[in-house]
Amino acid sequence: MSVHKKEIKKVTTHQLQAMKSRGEKISMLTAYDFSMAKILDTAGIDVLLVGDSASNVMAGNETTLPITLDHMIYHATSVVKAVDRALIVVDIPFGSYQGNSSEALRSAIRIMKESGAHAVKMEGGAEIKESIQRVLSAGVPVMGHLGLTPQSIYKFGTYTVRAKEEEEAKKLIEDAKLLEECGCFAIVLEKIPANLAKKVAESLTIPVIGIGAGADVDGQVLVVHDMLGITKDFKPRFLRRYADLDRIMTDATKAYIDDVKSQDFPNEKECY
């Protein structure tokens, strides 16, 4: 346990700011359903992201683009019911905020009212400034997201590391400062060079959460299915698997099948 760790009954945006100030790293994972969220919250996770990555790991889509606002609200509502401590952030999905600040506001308000979540996350910088400001003006906390922004995958054409070139790195720093000035309470930096992420984290007063952005940021986030080893095909350098649930669950299922076939299950003690 970190010497910096402070017991928090309910994590808030204000407490994330305090954690950065005292040098305590912020832990963040994705969650999409009641059962998983309950486990993660009980374990003491600081932030749960109801990510549009549900499109990939829950629905089997190749990208995050197909998931709808209704889907996101469904997943968020399930997570909210399970959580006592963690701050719950919900991705506003592709097509629900980019081109129209009024639509962005409607989407954010629907998420907050219908799910009971605590904040929303939006991908992009200067190009979505108006939408971010409109959502913030309604009192909805916003987490930013820069670097590799999966909702823009067809623009990038690849999931490789972003902001390696000087011009893109310069824009990322400018966008990060813009998001802070707009009033975002934190920013996710995805798959960018570690030295650039460090520079951003040091230049901002708000927390910077990394995924594939090195160790010198204020916290880390992973997709829970990747971290637990449920997904097997996704093997980026930044991912550390803390369990091999694919193997454990497969072995358990095979044992169950064998016991049913051999009539070992149910036994006398398991019958009424």
Protein backbone atom coordinates (compact mmCIF):
# COMPACT_ATOMS: atom_id res chain seq x y z
CA MET A 1 0.00 0.00 0.00
CA SER A 2 1.31 3.45 -0.94
CA VAL A 3 2.49 5.62 1.93
CA HIS A 4 0.63 8.47 0.25
CA LYS A 5 -2.72 6.66 0.17
CA LYS A 6 -5.51 8.36 2.06
CA GLU A 7 -8.77 6.62 2.96
CA ILE A 8 -11.59 8.13 0.91
CA LYS A 9 -15.23 7.19 1.49
CA LYS A 10 -16.37 8.57 -1.87
CA VAL A 11 -14.00 9.60 -4.65
CA THR A 12 -14.80 13.00 -6.19
CA THR A 13 -13.17 15.18 -8.83
CA HIS A 14 -11.90 17.38 -6.00
CA GLN A 15 -10.21 14.39 -4.36
CA LEU A 16 -8.51 13.40 -7.62
CA GLN A 17 -7.04 16.89 -7.69
CA ALA A 18 -5.84 16.47 -4.10
CA MET A 19 -4.30 13.09 -4.99
CA LYS A 20 -2.24 14.72 -7.74
CA SER A 21 -1.16 17.49 -5.35
CA ARG A 22 0.15 15.02 -2.75
CA GLY A 23 1.72 12.68 -5.31
CA GLU A 24 -0.71 9.77 -4.89
CA LYS A 25 -1.23 7.92 -8.16
CA ILE A 26 -4.81 7.46 -9.40
CA SER A 27 -6.03 3.96 -10.31
CA MET A 28 -8.64 3.63 -13.05
CA LEU A 29 -10.21 0.68 -14.86
CA THR A 30 -13.12 0.20 -17.22
CA ALA A 31 -16.39 -1.43 -16.12
CA TYR A 32 -19.52 -2.23 -18.08
CA ASP A 33 -21.72 -4.38 -15.80
CA PHE A 34 -22.92 -4.68 -12.20
CA SER A 35 -20.96 -7.77 -11.15
CA MET A 36 -17.56 -6.62 -12.39
CA ALA A 37 -18.06 -3.07 -11.10
CA LYS A 38 -18.90 -4.43 -7.64
CA ILE A 39 -15.63 -6.38 -7.50
CA LEU A 40 -13.52 -3.44 -8.71
CA ASP A 41 -15.17 -0.95 -6.35
CA THR A 42 -14.82 -3.27 -3.35
CA ALA A 43 -11.13 -3.73 -4.22
CA GLY A 44 -10.67 0.04 -3.89
CA ILE A 45 -10.37 1.35 -7.47
CA ASP A 46 -10.43 5.17 -7.61
CA VAL A 47 -12.15 5.72 -10.96
CA LEU A 48 -14.37 3.47 -13.07
CA LEU A 49 -14.67 4.34 -16.74
CA VAL A 50 -17.78 3.09 -18.49
CA GLY A 51 -15.86 3.09 -21.72
CA ASP A 52 -17.10 2.94 -25.29
CA SER A 53 -14.64 0.03 -25.41
CA ALA A 54 -17.79 -1.90 -24.42
CA SER A 55 -18.33 -1.88 -28.18
CA ASN A 56 -15.27 -4.14 -28.51
CA VAL A 57 -15.21 -6.32 -25.39
CA MET A 58 -18.95 -6.63 -24.70
CA ALA A 59 -20.49 -6.45 -28.18
CA GLY A 60 -17.66 -7.86 -30.33
CA ASN A 61 -17.36 -4.88 -32.68
CA GLU A 62 -14.06 -4.11 -34.39
CA THR A 63 -14.13 -0.43 -33.34
CA THR A 64 -15.82 1.77 -30.74
CA LEU A 65 -17.88 3.55 -33.41
CA PRO A 66 -21.06 1.39 -33.49
CA ILE A 67 -21.99 1.80 -29.81
CA THR A 68 -24.92 4.15 -29.22
CA LEU A 69 -25.85 6.59 -26.49
CA ASP A 70 -28.61 4.23 -25.34
CA HIS A 71 -26.08 1.40 -25.05
CA MET A 72 -23.74 3.58 -22.98
CA ILE A 73 -26.55 4.62 -20.64
CA TYR A 74 -27.52 0.95 -20.19
CA HIS A 75 -23.95 -0.02 -19.22
CA ALA A 76 -23.52 3.06 -17.00
CA THR A 77 -26.77 2.39 -15.13
CA SER A 78 -25.60 -1.17 -14.39
CA VAL A 79 -22.25 0.09 -13.05
CA VAL A 80 -23.76 2.86 -10.92
CA LYS A 81 -25.93 0.34 -9.05
CA ALA A 82 -22.81 -1.55 -7.94
CA VAL A 83 -20.57 1.27 -6.77
CA ASP A 84 -20.18 2.82 -3.32
CA ARG A 85 -16.78 4.51 -3.56
CA ALA A 86 -15.36 5.02 -7.06
CA LEU A 87 -15.90 8.05 -9.30
CA ILE A 88 -17.87 6.89 -12.36
CA VAL A 89 -17.00 8.47 -15.73
CA VAL A 90 -18.95 7.62 -18.90
CA ASP A 91 -17.74 7.98 -22.48
CA ILE A 92 -20.04 10.02 -24.69
CA PRO A 93 -20.03 7.80 -27.81
CA PHE A 94 -19.05 8.69 -31.36
CA GLY A 95 -21.58 10.91 -33.13
CA SER A 96 -23.21 12.17 -29.94
CA TYR A 97 -21.21 15.38 -29.44
CA GLN A 98 -18.61 16.11 -32.13
CA GLY A 99 -20.41 18.37 -34.58
CA ASN A 100 -23.01 20.09 -32.47
CA SER A 101 -22.68 21.55 -28.98
CA SER A 102 -26.44 21.34 -28.39
CA GLU A 103 -26.37 17.61 -29.14
CA ALA A 104 -23.32 17.26 -26.86
CA LEU A 105 -25.25 18.90 -24.03
CA ARG A 106 -28.32 16.68 -24.62
CA SER A 107 -26.13 13.56 -24.62
CA ALA A 108 -24.30 14.53 -21.42
CA ILE A 109 -27.52 15.40 -19.61
CA ARG A 110 -29.12 12.09 -20.65
CA ILE A 111 -26.12 10.16 -19.31
CA MET A 112 -26.14 12.04 -15.98
CA LYS A 113 -29.93 11.95 -15.46
CA GLU A 114 -30.65 8.43 -16.66
CA SER A 115 -27.61 6.57 -15.28
CA GLY A 116 -26.65 8.53 -12.17
CA ALA A 117 -22.97 8.65 -13.22
CA HIS A 118 -20.66 11.38 -11.96
CA ALA A 119 -18.91 12.69 -15.11
CA VAL A 120 -18.49 12.22 -18.87
CA LYS A 121 -15.44 11.77 -21.10
CA MET A 122 -15.00 13.32 -24.55
CA GLU A 123 -12.27 12.69 -27.13
CA GLY A 124 -10.47 15.59 -28.81
CA GLY A 125 -9.08 19.08 -28.27
CA ALA A 126 -9.66 22.41 -30.02
CA GLU A 127 -12.02 20.86 -32.57
CA ILE A 128 -14.59 20.01 -29.87
CA LYS A 129 -13.94 23.04 -27.63
CA GLU A 130 -17.47 24.42 -28.07
CA SER A 131 -19.07 21.08 -27.13
CA ILE A 132 -16.90 20.74 -24.01
CA GLN A 133 -17.70 24.29 -22.89
CA ARG A 134 -21.43 23.74 -23.43
CA VAL A 135 -21.41 20.54 -21.34
CA LEU A 136 -19.34 22.16 -18.59
CA SER A 137 -21.67 25.19 -18.53
CA ALA A 138 -24.49 22.83 -17.46
CA GLY A 139 -22.45 21.70 -14.47
CA VAL A 140 -21.46 18.31 -15.90
CA PRO A 141 -17.82 17.40 -15.09
CA VAL A 142 -15.79 16.52 -18.20
CA MET A 143 -12.70 14.34 -18.53
CA GLY A 144 -10.72 14.99 -21.70
CA HIS A 145 -8.97 12.41 -23.90
CA LEU A 146 -6.00 13.13 -26.19
CA GLY A 147 -3.39 11.17 -28.12
CA LEU A 148 -4.79 8.04 -29.70
CA THR A 149 -8.51 8.75 -29.79
CA PRO A 150 -10.21 5.51 -30.90
CA GLN A 151 -13.35 7.31 -32.11
CA SER A 152 -11.13 8.89 -34.79
CA ILE A 153 -9.57 5.58 -35.88
CA TYR A 154 -10.58 5.97 -39.52
CA LYS A 155 -8.92 9.40 -39.63
CA PHE A 156 -5.69 7.95 -38.20
CA GLY A 157 -5.97 4.68 -40.13
CA THR A 158 -3.92 2.89 -37.45
CA TYR A 159 -3.70 2.28 -33.70
CA THR A 160 0.03 3.11 -33.58
CA VAL A 161 1.61 5.60 -31.16
CA ARG A 162 0.46 9.20 -31.64
CA ALA A 163 2.34 12.52 -31.36
CA LYS A 164 5.79 11.21 -32.27
CA GLU A 165 6.20 14.03 -34.79
CA GLU A 166 6.98 17.50 -33.46
CA GLU A 167 3.93 19.19 -34.98
CA GLU A 168 1.46 16.68 -33.54
CA ALA A 169 3.23 16.78 -30.16
CA LYS A 170 2.97 20.57 -30.12
CA LYS A 171 -0.76 20.42 -30.89
CA LEU A 172 -1.28 17.82 -28.15
CA ILE A 173 0.34 20.10 -25.55
CA GLU A 174 -1.77 23.03 -26.76
CA ASP A 175 -4.93 20.92 -26.64
CA ALA A 176 -4.12 19.69 -23.12
CA LYS A 177 -3.72 23.26 -21.88
CA LEU A 178 -6.93 24.24 -23.67
CA LEU A 179 -8.86 21.41 -21.97
CA GLU A 180 -7.58 22.55 -18.58
CA GLU A 181 -8.50 26.18 -19.33
CA CYS A 182 -12.00 25.09 -20.42
CA GLY A 183 -12.49 23.44 -17.03
CA CYS A 184 -11.95 19.70 -17.60
CA PHE A 185 -11.19 17.99 -14.27
CA ALA A 186 -8.73 15.45 -15.76
CA ILE A 187 -7.32 14.21 -19.07
CA VAL A 188 -6.59 10.73 -20.42
CA LEU A 189 -3.49 10.49 -22.63
CA GLU A 190 -3.50 7.36 -24.79
CA LYS A 191 -0.51 5.77 -26.50
CA ILE A 192 1.90 8.69 -26.75
CA PRO A 193 5.67 8.90 -26.02
CA ALA A 194 6.42 8.78 -22.28
CA ASN A 195 8.55 11.94 -22.32
CA LEU A 196 5.71 13.92 -23.94
CA ALA A 197 3.19 12.58 -21.41
CA LYS A 198 5.53 13.59 -18.58
CA LYS A 199 5.79 17.09 -20.02
CA VAL A 200 2.00 17.39 -20.21
CA ALA A 201 1.46 16.09 -16.67
CA GLU A 202 4.04 18.50 -15.25
CA SER A 203 2.61 21.48 -17.12
CA LEU A 204 -1.01 20.95 -15.99
CA THR A 205 -2.54 21.35 -12.55
CA ILE A 206 -5.32 18.82 -13.31
CA PRO A 207 -4.65 15.04 -13.15
CA VAL A 208 -3.36 13.27 -16.25
CA ILE A 209 -4.26 9.57 -16.56
CA GLY A 210 -2.18 7.48 -18.94
CA ILE A 211 -2.74 4.36 -21.02
CA GLY A 212 0.44 3.53 -22.87
CA ALA A 213 1.82 6.94 -21.85
CA GLY A 214 4.60 5.95 -19.46
CA ALA A 215 4.95 6.16 -15.69
CA ASP A 216 5.37 9.93 -15.19
CA VAL A 217 1.67 10.78 -15.28
CA ASP A 218 -0.78 11.06 -12.37
CA GLY A 219 -2.51 7.71 -12.82
CA GLN A 220 -3.11 4.72 -15.07
CA VAL A 221 -6.12 3.19 -16.82
CA LEU A 222 -6.56 -0.19 -18.52
CA VAL A 223 -9.49 -2.05 -20.03
CA VAL A 224 -10.47 -4.51 -17.31
CA HIS A 225 -10.90 -7.45 -19.71
CA ASP A 226 -7.31 -6.92 -20.91
CA MET A 227 -5.90 -6.49 -17.39
CA LEU A 228 -7.59 -9.70 -16.16
CA GLY A 229 -6.54 -11.76 -19.18
CA ILE A 230 -10.07 -12.40 -20.44
CA THR A 231 -9.13 -11.03 -23.88
CA LYS A 232 -6.21 -12.87 -25.50
CA ASP A 233 -5.64 -11.35 -28.94
CA PHE A 234 -4.87 -7.80 -27.75
CA LYS A 235 -1.16 -7.62 -26.85
CA PRO A 236 0.13 -4.01 -26.83
CA ARG A 237 3.41 -3.22 -25.09
CA PHE A 238 1.68 -1.12 -22.41
CA LEU A 239 -0.59 -3.94 -21.21
CA ARG A 240 0.29 -5.92 -18.07
CA ARG A 241 -1.97 -8.91 -17.48
CA TYR A 242 -2.60 -9.42 -13.75
CA ALA A 243 -4.49 -12.71 -14.21
CA ASP A 244 -5.19 -15.36 -16.83
CA LEU A 245 -8.95 -15.56 -16.51
CA ASP A 246 -9.32 -16.91 -20.04
CA ARG A 247 -7.50 -20.09 -18.97
CA ILE A 248 -9.20 -20.28 -15.55
CA MET A 249 -12.69 -19.82 -17.01
CA THR A 250 -12.04 -22.24 -19.89
CA ASP A 251 -10.74 -24.93 -17.49
CA ALA A 252 -13.74 -24.43 -15.16
CA THR A 253 -16.18 -24.71 -18.07
CA LYS A 254 -14.50 -27.89 -19.34
CA ALA A 255 -14.64 -29.41 -15.84
CA TYR A 256 -18.35 -28.57 -15.61
CA ILE A 257 -19.02 -30.14 -19.02
CA ASP A 258 -17.12 -33.30 -18.01
CA ASP A 259 -19.03 -33.57 -14.72
CA VAL A 260 -22.40 -33.16 -16.46
CA LYS A 261 -21.52 -35.74 -19.13
CA SER A 262 -20.23 -38.25 -16.56
CA GLN A 263 -23.24 -37.61 -14.28
CA ASP A 264 -20.90 -36.55 -11.46
CA PHE A 265 -22.85 -33.27 -11.24
CA PRO A 266 -25.17 -32.93 -9.45
CA ASN A 267 -24.30 -35.37 -6.66
CA GLU A 268 -26.58 -36.36 -3.76
CA LYS A 269 -25.61 -33.35 -1.63
CA GLU A 270 -26.50 -31.02 -4.52
CA CYS A 271 -30.05 -32.36 -4.87
CA TYR A 272 -33.19 -31.46 -2.87
